Amino acid sequence: MRSVIRGFALLLFVLTLGVWFSLGGSMGWTKTSVELKKVDPVTEIEYVEYQNRFVPGVEVLALGVSGAVILFALTLIQIPTRTSKP
């Protein structure tokens, strides 16, 4: 049973890191829109457009990693077993 929970903790850790990196993880808070600086081709004035995109922040990374650590730590706790008296 402990190995299953440890495996799930490892899976949660790897998936959290993978999703965070693949979606362009930010060291700030989670963003649901990203600003894109563009230049008008005629006037050459720089302006900002916003693109709807999910960028996970550091809180998503912290939550996933801490969840994996807590699951792993639970497997280290020794639960005393009851012995039956004959």
C-alpha atoms as a PDB file:
ATOM      1  CA  MET A   1       0.000   0.000   0.000  1.00  0.00           C
ATOM      2  CA  ARG A   2       2.829   2.390   0.830  1.00  0.00           C
ATOM      3  CA  SER A   3       4.465   1.858  -2.529  1.00  0.00           C
ATOM      4  CA  VAL A   4       1.205   2.749  -4.301  1.00  0.00           C
ATOM      5  CA  ILE A   5       0.914   6.015  -2.367  1.00  0.00           C
ATOM      6  CA  ARG A   6       4.589   6.792  -2.971  1.00  0.00           C
ATOM      7  CA  GLY A   7       4.099   6.114  -6.664  1.00  0.00           C
ATOM      8  CA  PHE A   8       1.103   8.424  -6.734  1.00  0.00           C
ATOM      9  CA  ALA A   9       3.138  11.102  -4.921  1.00  0.00           C
ATOM     10  CA  LEU A  10       5.896  10.776  -7.513  1.00  0.00           C
ATOM     11  CA  LEU A  11       3.341  10.913 -10.335  1.00  0.00           C
ATOM     12  CA  LEU A  12       1.769  14.054  -8.840  1.00  0.00           C
ATOM     13  CA  PHE A  13       5.203  15.658  -8.518  1.00  0.00           C
ATOM     14  CA  VAL A  14       6.223  14.873 -12.106  1.00  0.00           C
ATOM     15  CA  LEU A  15       2.842  15.906 -13.556  1.00  0.00           C
ATOM     16  CA  THR A  16       2.875  19.175 -11.623  1.00  0.00           C
ATOM     17  CA  LEU A  17       6.330  20.072 -12.909  1.00  0.00           C
ATOM     18  CA  GLY A  18       5.483  18.935 -16.438  1.00  0.00           C
ATOM     19  CA  VAL A  19       2.259  20.930 -16.667  1.00  0.00           C
ATOM     20  CA  TRP A  20       3.848  23.971 -15.059  1.00  0.00           C
ATOM     21  CA  PHE A  21       6.795  23.993 -17.487  1.00  0.00           C
ATOM     22  CA  SER A  22       4.759  23.097 -20.584  1.00  0.00           C
ATOM     23  CA  LEU A  23       2.264  25.922 -20.016  1.00  0.00           C
ATOM     24  CA  GLY A  24       5.079  28.437 -19.535  1.00  0.00           C
ATOM     25  CA  GLY A  25       5.067  28.635 -15.747  1.00  0.00           C
ATOM     26  CA  SER A  26       5.446  32.062 -14.212  1.00  0.00           C
ATOM     27  CA  MET A  27       7.335  32.896 -11.018  1.00  0.00           C
ATOM     28  CA  GLY A  28       4.511  35.331 -10.254  1.00  0.00           C
ATOM     29  CA  TRP A  29       0.819  34.660  -9.731  1.00  0.00           C
ATOM     30  CA  THR A  30      -1.340  32.724 -12.192  1.00  0.00           C
ATOM     31  CA  LYS A  31      -2.392  34.716 -15.247  1.00  0.00           C
ATOM     32  CA  THR A  32      -5.389  34.187 -17.499  1.00  0.00           C
ATOM     33  CA  SER A  33      -4.293  36.713 -20.107  1.00  0.00           C
ATOM     34  CA  VAL A  34      -0.869  37.681 -21.399  1.00  0.00           C
ATOM     35  CA  GLU A  35       0.078  41.050 -22.843  1.00  0.00           C
ATOM     36  CA  LEU A  36       1.745  41.105 -26.250  1.00  0.00           C
ATOM     37  CA  LYS A  37       3.611  44.205 -27.351  1.00  0.00           C
ATOM     38  CA  LYS A  38       3.097  44.950 -31.030  1.00  0.00           C
ATOM     39  CA  VAL A  39       4.179  47.694 -33.383  1.00  0.00           C
ATOM     40  CA  ASP A  40       1.820  49.363 -35.821  1.00  0.00           C
ATOM     41  CA  PRO A  41       3.369  48.907 -39.293  1.00  0.00           C
ATOM     42  CA  VAL A  42       2.259  52.317 -40.560  1.00  0.00           C
ATOM     43  CA  THR A  43       2.903  54.645 -37.629  1.00  0.00           C
ATOM     44  CA  GLU A  44       5.500  52.451 -35.902  1.00  0.00           C
ATOM     45  CA  ILE A  45       3.828  53.141 -32.558  1.00  0.00           C
ATOM     46  CA  GLU A  46       4.117  50.380 -29.992  1.00  0.00           C
ATOM     47  CA  TYR A  47       0.879  49.169 -28.420  1.00  0.00           C
ATOM     48  CA  VAL A  48      -0.269  46.312 -26.177  1.00  0.00           C
ATOM     49  CA  GLU A  49      -2.738  43.560 -27.060  1.00  0.00           C
ATOM     50  CA  TYR A  50      -3.950  40.951 -24.608  1.00  0.00           C
ATOM     51  CA  GLN A  51      -4.187  37.285 -25.524  1.00  0.00           C
ATOM     52  CA  ASN A  52      -6.379  34.927 -23.486  1.00  0.00           C
ATOM     53  CA  ARG A  53      -3.984  32.247 -22.278  1.00  0.00           C
ATOM     54  CA  PHE A  54      -3.574  30.355 -18.999  1.00  0.00           C
ATOM     55  CA  VAL A  55      -0.120  30.664 -17.454  1.00  0.00           C
ATOM     56  CA  PRO A  56       0.217  28.802 -14.146  1.00  0.00           C
ATOM     57  CA  GLY A  57       1.919  30.730 -11.391  1.00  0.00           C
ATOM     58  CA  VAL A  58       4.129  29.782  -8.521  1.00  0.00           C
ATOM     59  CA  GLU A  59       1.112  28.956  -6.320  1.00  0.00           C
ATOM     60  CA  VAL A  60       0.114  26.123  -8.681  1.00  0.00           C
ATOM     61  CA  LEU A  61       3.647  24.758  -8.489  1.00  0.00           C
ATOM     62  CA  ALA A  62       3.738  25.087  -4.689  1.00  0.00           C
ATOM     63  CA  LEU A  63       0.365  23.401  -4.251  1.00  0.00           C
ATOM     64  CA  GLY A  64       1.256  20.418  -6.436  1.00  0.00           C
ATOM     65  CA  VAL A  65       4.714  19.905  -4.959  1.00  0.00           C
ATOM     66  CA  SER A  66       3.513  20.304  -1.371  1.00  0.00           C
ATOM     67  CA  GLY A  67       0.700  17.816  -2.040  1.00  0.00           C
ATOM     68  CA  ALA A  68       3.234  15.291  -3.324  1.00  0.00           C
ATOM     69  CA  VAL A  69       5.494  15.866  -0.308  1.00  0.00           C
ATOM     70  CA  ILE A  70       2.571  15.431   2.111  1.00  0.00           C
ATOM     71  CA  LEU A  71       1.526  12.183   0.418  1.00  0.00           C
ATOM     72  CA  PHE A  72       5.072  10.873   0.597  1.00  0.00           C
ATOM     73  CA  ALA A  73       5.409  11.948   4.242  1.00  0.00           C
ATOM     74  CA  LEU A  74       2.240  10.040   5.122  1.00  0.00           C
ATOM     75  CA  THR A  75       3.916   6.828   4.002  1.00  0.00           C
ATOM     76  CA  LEU A  76       6.731   7.379   6.499  1.00  0.00           C
ATOM     77  CA  ILE A  77       4.400   7.349   9.511  1.00  0.00           C
ATOM     78  CA  GLN A  78       4.443   4.050  11.361  1.00  0.00           C
ATOM     79  CA  ILE A  79       0.953   2.934  12.350  1.00  0.00           C
ATOM     80  CA  PRO A  80       1.016   0.477  15.243  1.00  0.00           C
ATOM     81  CA  THR A  81      -0.730  -2.791  14.499  1.00  0.00           C
ATOM     82  CA  ARG A  82      -2.938  -4.475  17.038  1.00  0.00           C
ATOM     83  CA  THR A  83      -1.965  -7.916  18.075  1.00  0.00           C
ATOM     84  CA  SER A  84      -4.726 -10.299  18.998  1.00  0.00           C
ATOM     85  CA  LYS A  85      -4.495 -12.087  22.341  1.00  0.00           C
ATOM     86  CA  PRO A  86      -4.898 -15.845  22.181  1.00  0.00           C
END
